[in-house]
Amino acid sequence: MIVYRGFSPTAHSATVLTIGNFDGVHLGHRALLARLKAAAANAGLPAAVLTFEPHPREFFAPESAPPRLSTLREKLELLADDGVDLAHVCRFNAGFAALSAEEFIERILVGALRVRQLIVGDDFRFGAGRAGDFALLREAGAGLGFQVDAMASITVDGERASSSAVRDALQAGRLEHAARLLGRPYSIDGRVAHGDKIGRQLGFHTANIRIKHERPPLQGVFAVEVRGLPGGPHRGAANLGYRPSAHQVVRALLEVHLLDFSADIYGAHLNVRFLHKLRDEMKFPDFNALKAQIASDVAAVKAYFQL
């Protein structure tokens, strides 16, 4: 997949395009992407995605914006996995937010991206004040020479697949339901870094994974599956949060104890899949109580994996 930051001065080709934030790339997104790929293949054109950075809600109301499901890197990796050919990452700033719906169509869709066919969700809104909608796109497409199609929502167990639904499931500890909405277990990427070696003192070596999420959408202790290491995937117990019992941190840290694994993996870039929540983070009165709880957590993870 080719990634453009913004828009190339002259698009190399006409495109079949979809637009969205694609946070988490859930089943609704993936159904839209499947339809995009089929339409692009039929037209003999690249399948292109226009997405935004930062998320518009982070631009307009940063203090109340929900935690992201995926970082930009994670989102782009997921889009590539679903067969997207081109991704245009548009900087969402005051200038872009001020574009009228008509300016967005003429300058971005037609002028920059040379859209031949546009596929969007049936609730898609765009332009300053969210004034643009599907009807306006259809009308503009008829005059400017591009086709517009709408994609209906996808439901899972009677619930609309959406980033909000995934976020709610994760925050409630319903990881299995989140996985059904996503079509895969929820995961976070990060690089293994040196920590304070407290895990060794407790008798449980841990990989300290520096994540890019400012506020992860879930916290607690989990049974996880780790990818990115030889011989994997590997199973483990993970703590994601702020470590209230040991050198509390201000930015969330992901710590993973890999079962039956002891190699040096500093610097490795890992993908951690969250399969089952054991409990919330808690503060313990002393290291002995913390050590006993970690031993219990590891035993519960082994039981989950039937080891």
C-alpha atoms as a PDB file:
ATOM      1  CA  MET A   1       0.000   0.000   0.000  1.00  0.00           C
ATOM      2  CA  ILE A   2       1.275   3.469  -0.908  1.00  0.00           C
ATOM      3  CA  VAL A   3       0.701   6.124   1.766  1.00  0.00           C
ATOM      4  CA  TYR A   4       0.489   9.826   0.945  1.00  0.00           C
ATOM      5  CA  ARG A   5       0.610  12.515   3.618  1.00  0.00           C
ATOM      6  CA  GLY A   6      -2.008  14.811   2.159  1.00  0.00           C
ATOM      7  CA  PHE A   7      -2.447  14.825  -1.588  1.00  0.00           C
ATOM      8  CA  SER A   8       0.066  14.417  -4.375  1.00  0.00           C
ATOM      9  CA  PRO A   9       0.079  17.454  -6.724  1.00  0.00           C
ATOM     10  CA  THR A  10      -1.251  15.348  -9.577  1.00  0.00           C
ATOM     11  CA  ALA A  11      -2.873  11.982  -8.988  1.00  0.00           C
ATOM     12  CA  HIS A  12      -1.268   9.292 -11.114  1.00  0.00           C
ATOM     13  CA  SER A  13      -4.603   7.685 -11.836  1.00  0.00           C
ATOM     14  CA  ALA A  14      -8.301   8.009 -11.331  1.00  0.00           C
ATOM     15  CA  THR A  15      -9.413   6.169  -8.189  1.00  0.00           C
ATOM     16  CA  VAL A  16     -12.227   4.280  -6.583  1.00  0.00           C
ATOM     17  CA  LEU A  17     -12.376   5.935  -3.178  1.00  0.00           C
ATOM     18  CA  THR A  18     -13.855   5.633   0.284  1.00  0.00           C
ATOM     19  CA  ILE A  19     -13.588   8.159   3.116  1.00  0.00           C
ATOM     20  CA  GLY A  20     -13.564   7.773   6.878  1.00  0.00           C
ATOM     21  CA  ASN A  21     -11.670   7.765  10.144  1.00  0.00           C
ATOM     22  CA  PHE A  22     -11.467   3.949  10.179  1.00  0.00           C
ATOM     23  CA  ASP A  23     -10.597   3.864  13.887  1.00  0.00           C
ATOM     24  CA  GLY A  24     -10.065   0.201  14.747  1.00  0.00           C
ATOM     25  CA  VAL A  25     -11.022  -1.012  11.244  1.00  0.00           C
ATOM     26  CA  HIS A  26     -14.009  -3.019  12.527  1.00  0.00           C
ATOM     27  CA  LEU A  27     -16.364  -5.312  10.597  1.00  0.00           C
ATOM     28  CA  GLY A  28     -18.373  -2.381   9.247  1.00  0.00           C
ATOM     29  CA  HIS A  29     -15.204  -0.821   7.873  1.00  0.00           C
ATOM     30  CA  ARG A  30     -14.016  -4.143   6.510  1.00  0.00           C
ATOM     31  CA  ALA A  31     -17.294  -4.722   4.645  1.00  0.00           C
ATOM     32  CA  LEU A  32     -16.905  -1.249   3.115  1.00  0.00           C
ATOM     33  CA  LEU A  33     -13.305  -2.026   2.140  1.00  0.00           C
ATOM     34  CA  ALA A  34     -14.339  -5.327   0.558  1.00  0.00           C
ATOM     35  CA  ARG A  35     -16.881  -3.504  -1.567  1.00  0.00           C
ATOM     36  CA  LEU A  36     -14.242  -0.872  -2.425  1.00  0.00           C
ATOM     37  CA  LYS A  37     -11.789  -3.548  -3.603  1.00  0.00           C
ATOM     38  CA  ALA A  38     -14.419  -5.260  -5.732  1.00  0.00           C
ATOM     39  CA  ALA A  39     -15.439  -1.982  -7.372  1.00  0.00           C
ATOM     40  CA  ALA A  40     -11.809  -1.004  -7.964  1.00  0.00           C
ATOM     41  CA  ALA A  41     -11.001  -4.367  -9.525  1.00  0.00           C
ATOM     42  CA  ASN A  42     -14.052  -4.095 -11.782  1.00  0.00           C
ATOM     43  CA  ALA A  43     -12.989  -0.611 -12.903  1.00  0.00           C
ATOM     44  CA  GLY A  44      -9.302  -1.493 -13.215  1.00  0.00           C
ATOM     45  CA  LEU A  45      -8.386   1.368 -10.852  1.00  0.00           C
ATOM     46  CA  PRO A  46      -6.610   1.637  -7.478  1.00  0.00           C
ATOM     47  CA  ALA A  47      -8.650   1.129  -4.308  1.00  0.00           C
ATOM     48  CA  ALA A  48      -8.009   4.313  -2.315  1.00  0.00           C
ATOM     49  CA  VAL A  49      -8.861   5.497   1.195  1.00  0.00           C
ATOM     50  CA  LEU A  50      -8.980   9.074   2.460  1.00  0.00           C
ATOM     51  CA  THR A  51      -8.542   9.271   6.229  1.00  0.00           C
ATOM     52  CA  PHE A  52      -7.722  12.024   8.718  1.00  0.00           C
ATOM     53  CA  GLU A  53      -5.078  12.864  11.308  1.00  0.00           C
ATOM     54  CA  PRO A  54      -5.875  13.861  13.981  1.00  0.00           C
ATOM     55  CA  HIS A  55      -9.353  12.442  14.383  1.00  0.00           C
ATOM     56  CA  PRO A  56     -11.839  15.326  13.825  1.00  0.00           C
ATOM     57  CA  ARG A  57     -13.240  14.881  17.344  1.00  0.00           C
ATOM     58  CA  GLU A  58      -9.716  15.355  18.730  1.00  0.00           C
ATOM     59  CA  PHE A  59      -9.429  18.600  16.746  1.00  0.00           C
ATOM     60  CA  PHE A  60     -12.785  20.079  17.742  1.00  0.00           C
ATOM     61  CA  ALA A  61     -12.950  18.885  21.385  1.00  0.00           C
ATOM     62  CA  PRO A  62      -9.656  17.329  22.518  1.00  0.00           C
ATOM     63  CA  GLU A  63     -10.674  17.245  26.180  1.00  0.00           C
ATOM     64  CA  SER A  64     -13.756  15.097  25.501  1.00  0.00           C
ATOM     65  CA  ALA A  65     -12.567  13.014  22.528  1.00  0.00           C
ATOM     66  CA  PRO A  66     -12.763   9.256  23.177  1.00  0.00           C
ATOM     67  CA  PRO A  67      -9.594   7.142  23.330  1.00  0.00           C
ATOM     68  CA  ARG A  68      -8.462   5.863  19.963  1.00  0.00           C
ATOM     69  CA  LEU A  69      -8.755   2.188  19.138  1.00  0.00           C
ATOM     70  CA  SER A  70      -5.770   2.344  16.786  1.00  0.00           C
ATOM     71  CA  THR A  71      -2.792   4.595  16.264  1.00  0.00           C
ATOM     72  CA  LEU A  72      -2.202   5.927  12.760  1.00  0.00           C
ATOM     73  CA  ARG A  73       0.422   3.237  12.152  1.00  0.00           C
ATOM     74  CA  GLU A  74      -1.884   0.462  13.352  1.00  0.00           C
ATOM     75  CA  LYS A  75      -4.742   1.784  11.216  1.00  0.00           C
ATOM     76  CA  LEU A  76      -2.582   1.925   8.096  1.00  0.00           C
ATOM     77  CA  GLU A  77      -1.340  -1.621   8.715  1.00  0.00           C
ATOM     78  CA  LEU A  78      -4.932  -2.839   9.029  1.00  0.00           C
ATOM     79  CA  LEU A  79      -5.983  -1.012   5.843  1.00  0.00           C
ATOM     80  CA  ALA A  80      -3.062  -2.596   4.006  1.00  0.00           C
ATOM     81  CA  ASP A  81      -4.060  -6.030   5.327  1.00  0.00           C
ATOM     82  CA  ASP A  82      -7.527  -5.473   3.834  1.00  0.00           C
ATOM     83  CA  GLY A  83      -6.076  -4.828   0.375  1.00  0.00           C
ATOM     84  CA  VAL A  84      -6.153  -1.041   0.056  1.00  0.00           C
ATOM     85  CA  ASP A  85      -3.808   0.225  -2.686  1.00  0.00           C
ATOM     86  CA  LEU A  86      -3.532   3.923  -1.748  1.00  0.00           C
ATOM     87  CA  ALA A  87      -4.057   5.716   1.557  1.00  0.00           C
ATOM     88  CA  HIS A  88      -4.238   9.511   1.705  1.00  0.00           C
ATOM     89  CA  VAL A  89      -3.740  10.814   5.259  1.00  0.00           C
ATOM     90  CA  CYS A  90      -5.242  14.301   5.348  1.00  0.00           C
ATOM     91  CA  ARG A  91      -4.088  16.714   8.057  1.00  0.00           C
ATOM     92  CA  PHE A  92      -7.291  17.769   9.820  1.00  0.00           C
ATOM     93  CA  ASN A  93      -6.702  21.403  10.746  1.00  0.00           C
ATOM     94  CA  ALA A  94      -8.621  24.672  10.806  1.00  0.00           C
ATOM     95  CA  GLY A  95      -8.180  25.223   7.087  1.00  0.00           C
ATOM     96  CA  PHE A  96      -9.490  21.805   6.159  1.00  0.00           C
ATOM     97  CA  ALA A  97     -12.368  22.027   8.668  1.00  0.00           C
ATOM     98  CA  ALA A  98     -13.456  25.304   7.057  1.00  0.00           C
ATOM     99  CA  LEU A  99     -13.856  23.808   3.573  1.00  0.00           C
ATOM    100  CA  SER A 100     -17.468  23.883   2.462  1.00  0.00           C
ATOM    101  CA  ALA A 101     -18.993  20.642   1.242  1.00  0.00           C
ATOM    102  CA  GLU A 102     -18.872  21.951  -2.335  1.00  0.00           C
ATOM    103  CA  GLU A 103     -15.195  22.948  -2.010  1.00  0.00           C
ATOM    104  CA  PHE A 104     -14.377  19.511  -0.584  1.00  0.00           C
ATOM    105  CA  ILE A 105     -15.979  17.833  -3.589  1.00  0.00           C
ATOM    106  CA  GLU A 106     -14.378  20.049  -6.224  1.00  0.00           C
ATOM    107  CA  ARG A 107     -10.904  20.566  -4.721  1.00  0.00           C
ATOM    108  CA  ILE A 108     -10.293  17.264  -2.939  1.00  0.00           C
ATOM    109  CA  LEU A 109     -12.426  14.559  -4.535  1.00  0.00           C
ATOM    110  CA  VAL A 110     -12.299  15.720  -8.138  1.00  0.00           C
ATOM    111  CA  GLY A 111      -9.217  17.953  -8.258  1.00  0.00           C
ATOM    112  CA  ALA A 112      -6.735  16.084  -6.062  1.00  0.00           C
ATOM    113  CA  LEU A 113      -7.970  12.478  -6.008  1.00  0.00           C
ATOM    114  CA  ARG A 114      -9.611  12.203  -9.434  1.00  0.00           C
ATOM    115  CA  VAL A 115     -12.400  10.102  -7.984  1.00  0.00           C
ATOM    116  CA  ARG A 116     -14.237   7.943 -10.507  1.00  0.00           C
ATOM    117  CA  GLN A 117     -16.385   6.093  -8.002  1.00  0.00           C
ATOM    118  CA  LEU A 118     -17.029   6.939  -4.346  1.00  0.00           C
ATOM    119  CA  ILE A 119     -18.342   4.468  -1.768  1.00  0.00           C
ATOM    120  CA  VAL A 120     -19.327   5.812   1.666  1.00  0.00           C
ATOM    121  CA  GLY A 121     -21.347   4.775   4.680  1.00  0.00           C
ATOM    122  CA  ASP A 122     -25.029   5.664   4.541  1.00  0.00           C
ATOM    123  CA  ASP A 123     -24.574   8.157   7.415  1.00  0.00           C
ATOM    124  CA  PHE A 124     -21.538   9.936   5.936  1.00  0.00           C
ATOM    125  CA  ARG A 125     -21.365  13.718   6.535  1.00  0.00           C
ATOM    126  CA  PHE A 126     -18.654  16.130   5.416  1.00  0.00           C
ATOM    127  CA  GLY A 127     -17.695  19.765   4.916  1.00  0.00           C
ATOM    128  CA  ALA A 128     -17.905  22.752   7.251  1.00  0.00           C
ATOM    129  CA  GLY A 129     -20.725  22.269   9.739  1.00  0.00           C
ATOM    130  CA  ARG A 130     -21.172  18.708   8.419  1.00  0.00           C
ATOM    131  CA  ALA A 131     -23.426  20.228   5.767  1.00  0.00           C
ATOM    132  CA  GLY A 132     -22.610  17.659   3.065  1.00  0.00           C
ATOM    133  CA  ASP A 133     -24.425  14.342   2.834  1.00  0.00           C
ATOM    134  CA  PHE A 134     -25.033  11.442   0.467  1.00  0.00           C
ATOM    135  CA  ALA A 135     -27.682  13.338  -1.511  1.00  0.00           C
ATOM    136  CA  LEU A 136     -25.274  16.203  -2.198  1.00  0.00           C
ATOM    137  CA  LEU A 137     -22.562  13.758  -3.302  1.00  0.00           C
ATOM    138  CA  ARG A 138     -24.971  12.028  -5.678  1.00  0.00           C
ATOM    139  CA  GLU A 139     -26.018  15.359  -7.189  1.00  0.00           C
ATOM    140  CA  ALA A 140     -22.411  16.544  -7.543  1.00  0.00           C
ATOM    141  CA  GLY A 141     -21.285  13.231  -8.995  1.00  0.00           C
ATOM    142  CA  ALA A 142     -23.906  13.417 -11.725  1.00  0.00           C
ATOM    143  CA  GLY A 143     -22.517  16.787 -12.820  1.00  0.00           C
ATOM    144  CA  LEU A 144     -18.805  16.142 -12.301  1.00  0.00           C
ATOM    145  CA  GLY A 145     -18.574  12.637 -13.652  1.00  0.00           C
ATOM    146  CA  PHE A 146     -18.234  10.271 -10.691  1.00  0.00           C
ATOM    147  CA  GLN A 147     -20.499   7.570  -9.331  1.00  0.00           C
ATOM    148  CA  VAL A 148     -21.579   7.509  -5.671  1.00  0.00           C
ATOM    149  CA  ASP A 149     -22.750   4.432  -3.759  1.00  0.00           C
ATOM    150  CA  ALA A 150     -23.824   4.023  -0.137  1.00  0.00           C
ATOM    151  CA  MET A 151     -22.936   1.151   2.170  1.00  0.00           C
ATOM    152  CA  ALA A 152     -25.462   0.042   4.786  1.00  0.00           C
ATOM    153  CA  SER A 153     -24.408  -0.577   8.371  1.00  0.00           C
ATOM    154  CA  ILE A 154     -23.250  -4.027   9.493  1.00  0.00           C
ATOM    155  CA  THR A 155     -24.739  -5.530  12.648  1.00  0.00           C
ATOM    156  CA  VAL A 156     -23.280  -8.153  14.993  1.00  0.00           C
ATOM    157  CA  ASP A 157     -25.618  -9.882  17.449  1.00  0.00           C
ATOM    158  CA  GLY A 158     -28.157  -7.146  16.770  1.00  0.00           C
ATOM    159  CA  GLU A 159     -25.676  -4.309  17.428  1.00  0.00           C
ATOM    160  CA  ARG A 160     -24.334  -1.942  14.780  1.00  0.00           C
ATOM    161  CA  ALA A 161     -20.613  -2.491  14.261  1.00  0.00           C
ATOM    162  CA  SER A 162     -19.001   0.856  15.058  1.00  0.00           C
ATOM    163  CA  SER A 163     -15.897   2.239  16.703  1.00  0.00           C
ATOM    164  CA  SER A 164     -18.037   3.398  19.634  1.00  0.00           C
ATOM    165  CA  ALA A 165     -19.472  -0.088  20.130  1.00  0.00           C
ATOM    166  CA  VAL A 166     -15.981  -1.616  20.098  1.00  0.00           C
ATOM    167  CA  ARG A 167     -14.746   1.011  22.548  1.00  0.00           C
ATOM    168  CA  ASP A 168     -17.676   0.383  24.900  1.00  0.00           C
ATOM    169  CA  ALA A 169     -17.070  -3.375  24.824  1.00  0.00           C
ATOM    170  CA  LEU A 170     -13.364  -2.951  25.606  1.00  0.00           C
ATOM    171  CA  GLN A 171     -13.988  -0.543  28.451  1.00  0.00           C
ATOM    172  CA  ALA A 172     -16.525  -2.953  29.924  1.00  0.00           C
ATOM    173  CA  GLY A 173     -14.041  -5.844  29.722  1.00  0.00           C
ATOM    174  CA  ARG A 174     -16.142  -7.684  27.113  1.00  0.00           C
ATOM    175  CA  LEU A 175     -13.170  -8.593  24.946  1.00  0.00           C
ATOM    176  CA  GLU A 176     -14.869 -11.514  23.234  1.00  0.00           C
ATOM    177  CA  HIS A 177     -17.696  -9.233  22.076  1.00  0.00           C
ATOM    178  CA  ALA A 178     -15.185  -6.613  20.924  1.00  0.00           C
ATOM    179  CA  ALA A 179     -13.482  -9.330  18.865  1.00  0.00           C
ATOM    180  CA  ARG A 180     -16.798 -10.197  17.207  1.00  0.00           C
ATOM    181  CA  LEU A 181     -17.333  -6.534  16.270  1.00  0.00           C
ATOM    182  CA  LEU A 182     -13.779  -6.250  14.936  1.00  0.00           C
ATOM    183  CA  GLY A 183     -13.614  -9.626  13.225  1.00  0.00           C
ATOM    184  CA  ARG A 184     -10.394 -10.319  15.155  1.00  0.00           C
ATOM    185  CA  PRO A 185      -9.091  -9.848  18.716  1.00  0.00           C
ATOM    186  CA  TYR A 186      -8.327  -6.270  19.691  1.00  0.00           C
ATOM    187  CA  SER A 187      -4.593  -5.583  19.597  1.00  0.00           C
ATOM    188  CA  ILE A 188      -1.978  -2.920  20.333  1.00  0.00           C
ATOM    189  CA  ASP A 189       1.477  -2.592  18.778  1.00  0.00           C
ATOM    190  CA  GLY A 190       4.598  -1.405  20.538  1.00  0.00           C
ATOM    191  CA  ARG A 191       8.347  -1.765  20.902  1.00  0.00           C
ATOM    192  CA  VAL A 192      10.043  -3.584  23.790  1.00  0.00           C
ATOM    193  CA  ALA A 193      12.109  -1.185  25.911  1.00  0.00           C
ATOM    194  CA  HIS A 194      14.181  -1.430  29.066  1.00  0.00           C
ATOM    195  CA  GLY A 195      12.158  -1.016  32.235  1.00  0.00           C
ATOM    196  CA  ASP A 196      12.953  -0.840  35.943  1.00  0.00           C
ATOM    197  CA  LYS A 197      13.358  -4.651  36.249  1.00  0.00           C
ATOM    198  CA  ILE A 198      10.700  -4.928  38.961  1.00  0.00           C
ATOM    199  CA  GLY A 199       9.311  -8.022  37.239  1.00  0.00           C
ATOM    200  CA  ARG A 200      12.587  -9.832  37.909  1.00  0.00           C
ATOM    201  CA  GLN A 201      12.400  -8.908  41.592  1.00  0.00           C
ATOM    202  CA  LEU A 202       8.917 -10.398  41.691  1.00  0.00           C
ATOM    203  CA  GLY A 203      10.035 -13.576  39.936  1.00  0.00           C
ATOM    204  CA  PHE A 204       8.189 -12.875  36.671  1.00  0.00           C
ATOM    205  CA  HIS A 205      10.206 -11.469  33.768  1.00  0.00           C
ATOM    206  CA  THR A 206       8.162  -9.005  31.739  1.00  0.00           C
ATOM    207  CA  ALA A 207       8.550  -7.288  28.405  1.00  0.00           C
ATOM    208  CA  ASN A 208       7.920  -3.557  28.849  1.00  0.00           C
ATOM    209  CA  ILE A 209       6.201  -2.407  25.669  1.00  0.00           C
ATOM    210  CA  ARG A 210       6.123   1.295  24.899  1.00  0.00           C
ATOM    211  CA  ILE A 211       2.820   2.059  23.209  1.00  0.00           C
ATOM    212  CA  LYS A 212       1.834   5.134  21.229  1.00  0.00           C
ATOM    213  CA  HIS A 213      -1.706   5.354  22.604  1.00  0.00           C
ATOM    214  CA  GLU A 214      -2.118   8.465  24.737  1.00  0.00           C
ATOM    215  CA  ARG A 215      -5.122   6.846  26.437  1.00  0.00           C
ATOM    216  CA  PRO A 216      -5.680   3.172  25.622  1.00  0.00           C
ATOM    217  CA  PRO A 217      -9.339   2.118  25.375  1.00  0.00           C
ATOM    218  CA  LEU A 218      -8.893  -0.657  27.959  1.00  0.00           C
ATOM    219  CA  GLN A 219      -6.999  -1.203  31.213  1.00  0.00           C
ATOM    220  CA  GLY A 220      -6.382  -4.146  33.502  1.00  0.00           C
ATOM    221  CA  VAL A 221      -4.850  -7.612  33.474  1.00  0.00           C
ATOM    222  CA  PHE A 222      -5.406  -9.872  30.468  1.00  0.00           C
ATOM    223  CA  ALA A 223      -4.667 -13.169  28.801  1.00  0.00           C
ATOM    224  CA  VAL A 224      -2.906 -12.219  25.572  1.00  0.00           C
ATOM    225  CA  GLU A 225      -1.321 -13.607  22.442  1.00  0.00           C
ATOM    226  CA  VAL A 226       1.897 -11.942  21.233  1.00  0.00           C
ATOM    227  CA  ARG A 227       3.049 -11.844  17.616  1.00  0.00           C
ATOM    228  CA  GLY A 228       6.320 -10.637  16.171  1.00  0.00           C
ATOM    229  CA  LEU A 229       8.754 -13.075  17.796  1.00  0.00           C
ATOM    230  CA  PRO A 230      10.310 -16.246  16.346  1.00  0.00           C
ATOM    231  CA  GLY A 231       8.319 -19.381  17.010  1.00  0.00           C
ATOM    232  CA  GLY A 232       5.165 -17.412  17.741  1.00  0.00           C
ATOM    233  CA  PRO A 233       2.511 -16.576  18.410  1.00  0.00           C
ATOM    234  CA  HIS A 234       3.327 -16.711  22.126  1.00  0.00           C
ATOM    235  CA  ARG A 235       0.871 -16.660  25.006  1.00  0.00           C
ATOM    236  CA  GLY A 236       1.184 -14.503  28.070  1.00  0.00           C
ATOM    237  CA  ALA A 237      -0.269 -12.458  30.903  1.00  0.00           C
ATOM    238  CA  ALA A 238      -0.372  -8.694  30.379  1.00  0.00           C
ATOM    239  CA  ASN A 239      -0.928  -5.644  32.535  1.00  0.00           C
ATOM    240  CA  LEU A 240      -2.001  -2.474  30.756  1.00  0.00           C
ATOM    241  CA  GLY A 241      -2.270   0.620  32.907  1.00  0.00           C
ATOM    242  CA  TYR A 242      -0.462   2.859  35.335  1.00  0.00           C
ATOM    243  CA  ARG A 243       1.099   0.454  37.876  1.00  0.00           C
ATOM    244  CA  PRO A 244      -0.356   1.866  41.112  1.00  0.00           C
ATOM    245  CA  SER A 245       1.650  -0.640  43.204  1.00  0.00           C
ATOM    246  CA  ALA A 246       5.110  -0.187  41.671  1.00  0.00           C
ATOM    247  CA  HIS A 247       6.584   3.107  40.454  1.00  0.00           C
ATOM    248  CA  GLN A 248       3.289   4.469  39.183  1.00  0.00           C
ATOM    249  CA  VAL A 249       3.536   6.011  35.701  1.00  0.00           C
ATOM    250  CA  VAL A 250       1.645   8.911  34.147  1.00  0.00           C
ATOM    251  CA  ARG A 251       1.462   7.330  30.697  1.00  0.00           C
ATOM    252  CA  ALA A 252      -0.049   3.884  30.242  1.00  0.00           C
ATOM    253  CA  LEU A 253       2.480   1.056  30.046  1.00  0.00           C
ATOM    254  CA  LEU A 254       1.947  -2.399  28.615  1.00  0.00           C
ATOM    255  CA  GLU A 255       3.851  -5.165  30.438  1.00  0.00           C
ATOM    256  CA  VAL A 256       3.699  -8.756  29.219  1.00  0.00           C
ATOM    257  CA  HIS A 257       4.935 -11.911  30.941  1.00  0.00           C
ATOM    258  CA  LEU A 258       5.419 -14.480  28.181  1.00  0.00           C
ATOM    259  CA  LEU A 259       4.757 -18.064  29.252  1.00  0.00           C
ATOM    260  CA  ASP A 260       7.754 -20.395  28.908  1.00  0.00           C
ATOM    261  CA  PHE A 261       9.869 -17.766  27.145  1.00  0.00           C
ATOM    262  CA  SER A 262      13.165 -16.192  28.230  1.00  0.00           C
ATOM    263  CA  ALA A 263      15.009 -14.763  25.183  1.00  0.00           C
ATOM    264  CA  ASP A 264      16.352 -11.205  24.974  1.00  0.00           C
ATOM    265  CA  ILE A 265      13.779  -9.280  22.920  1.00  0.00           C
ATOM    266  CA  TYR A 266      14.709  -5.636  23.590  1.00  0.00           C
ATOM    267  CA  GLY A 267      13.893  -3.503  20.573  1.00  0.00           C
ATOM    268  CA  ALA A 268      11.434  -5.987  19.066  1.00  0.00           C
ATOM    269  CA  HIS A 269       8.229  -4.538  17.636  1.00  0.00           C
ATOM    270  CA  LEU A 270       5.338  -6.665  18.922  1.00  0.00           C
ATOM    271  CA  ASN A 271       1.640  -7.018  18.320  1.00  0.00           C
ATOM    272  CA  VAL A 272      -0.279  -7.888  21.508  1.00  0.00           C
ATOM    273  CA  ARG A 273      -3.745  -9.389  21.062  1.00  0.00           C
ATOM    274  CA  PHE A 274      -6.078  -9.080  24.061  1.00  0.00           C
ATOM    275  CA  LEU A 275      -8.159 -12.250  24.378  1.00  0.00           C
ATOM    276  CA  HIS A 276      -9.676 -12.262  27.860  1.00  0.00           C
ATOM    277  CA  LYS A 277      -9.810  -9.868  30.816  1.00  0.00           C
ATOM    278  CA  LEU A 278      -8.912 -11.256  34.225  1.00  0.00           C
ATOM    279  CA  ARG A 279      -9.355  -8.220  36.451  1.00  0.00           C
ATOM    280  CA  ASP A 280      -8.916  -4.464  36.842  1.00  0.00           C
ATOM    281  CA  GLU A 281      -5.662  -2.912  37.981  1.00  0.00           C
ATOM    282  CA  MET A 282      -5.451  -2.545  41.748  1.00  0.00           C
ATOM    283  CA  LYS A 283      -3.092  -1.199  44.396  1.00  0.00           C
ATOM    284  CA  PHE A 284      -1.503  -3.732  46.774  1.00  0.00           C
ATOM    285  CA  PRO A 285      -0.206  -3.007  50.293  1.00  0.00           C
ATOM    286  CA  ASP A 286       3.258  -4.492  49.658  1.00  0.00           C
ATOM    287  CA  PHE A 287       5.415  -6.442  47.200  1.00  0.00           C
ATOM    288  CA  ASN A 288       4.501  -9.794  48.749  1.00  0.00           C
ATOM    289  CA  ALA A 289       0.801  -9.203  48.082  1.00  0.00           C
ATOM    290  CA  LEU A 290       1.608  -8.038  44.548  1.00  0.00           C
ATOM    291  CA  LYS A 291       3.786 -11.092  43.914  1.00  0.00           C
ATOM    292  CA  ALA A 292       1.056 -13.436  45.152  1.00  0.00           C
ATOM    293  CA  GLN A 293      -1.518 -11.793  42.873  1.00  0.00           C
ATOM    294  CA  ILE A 294       0.774 -12.004  39.843  1.00  0.00           C
ATOM    295  CA  ALA A 295       1.279 -15.710  40.506  1.00  0.00           C
ATOM    296  CA  SER A 296      -2.502 -16.092  40.679  1.00  0.00           C
ATOM    297  CA  ASP A 297      -2.915 -14.128  37.428  1.00  0.00           C
ATOM    298  CA  VAL A 298      -0.359 -16.290  35.611  1.00  0.00           C
ATOM    299  CA  ALA A 299      -2.132 -19.425  36.858  1.00  0.00           C
ATOM    300  CA  ALA A 300      -5.455 -18.023  35.594  1.00  0.00           C
ATOM    301  CA  VAL A 301      -3.917 -17.305  32.185  1.00  0.00           C
ATOM    302  CA  LYS A 302      -2.593 -20.854  31.968  1.00  0.00           C
ATOM    303  CA  ALA A 303      -6.044 -22.149  32.869  1.00  0.00           C
ATOM    304  CA  TYR A 304      -7.592 -19.934  30.167  1.00  0.00           C
ATOM    305  CA  PHE A 305      -5.245 -21.414  27.583  1.00  0.00           C
ATOM    306  CA  GLN A 306      -5.719 -24.890  29.104  1.00  0.00           C
ATOM    307  CA  LEU A 307      -1.996 -25.260  29.728  1.00  0.00           C
END
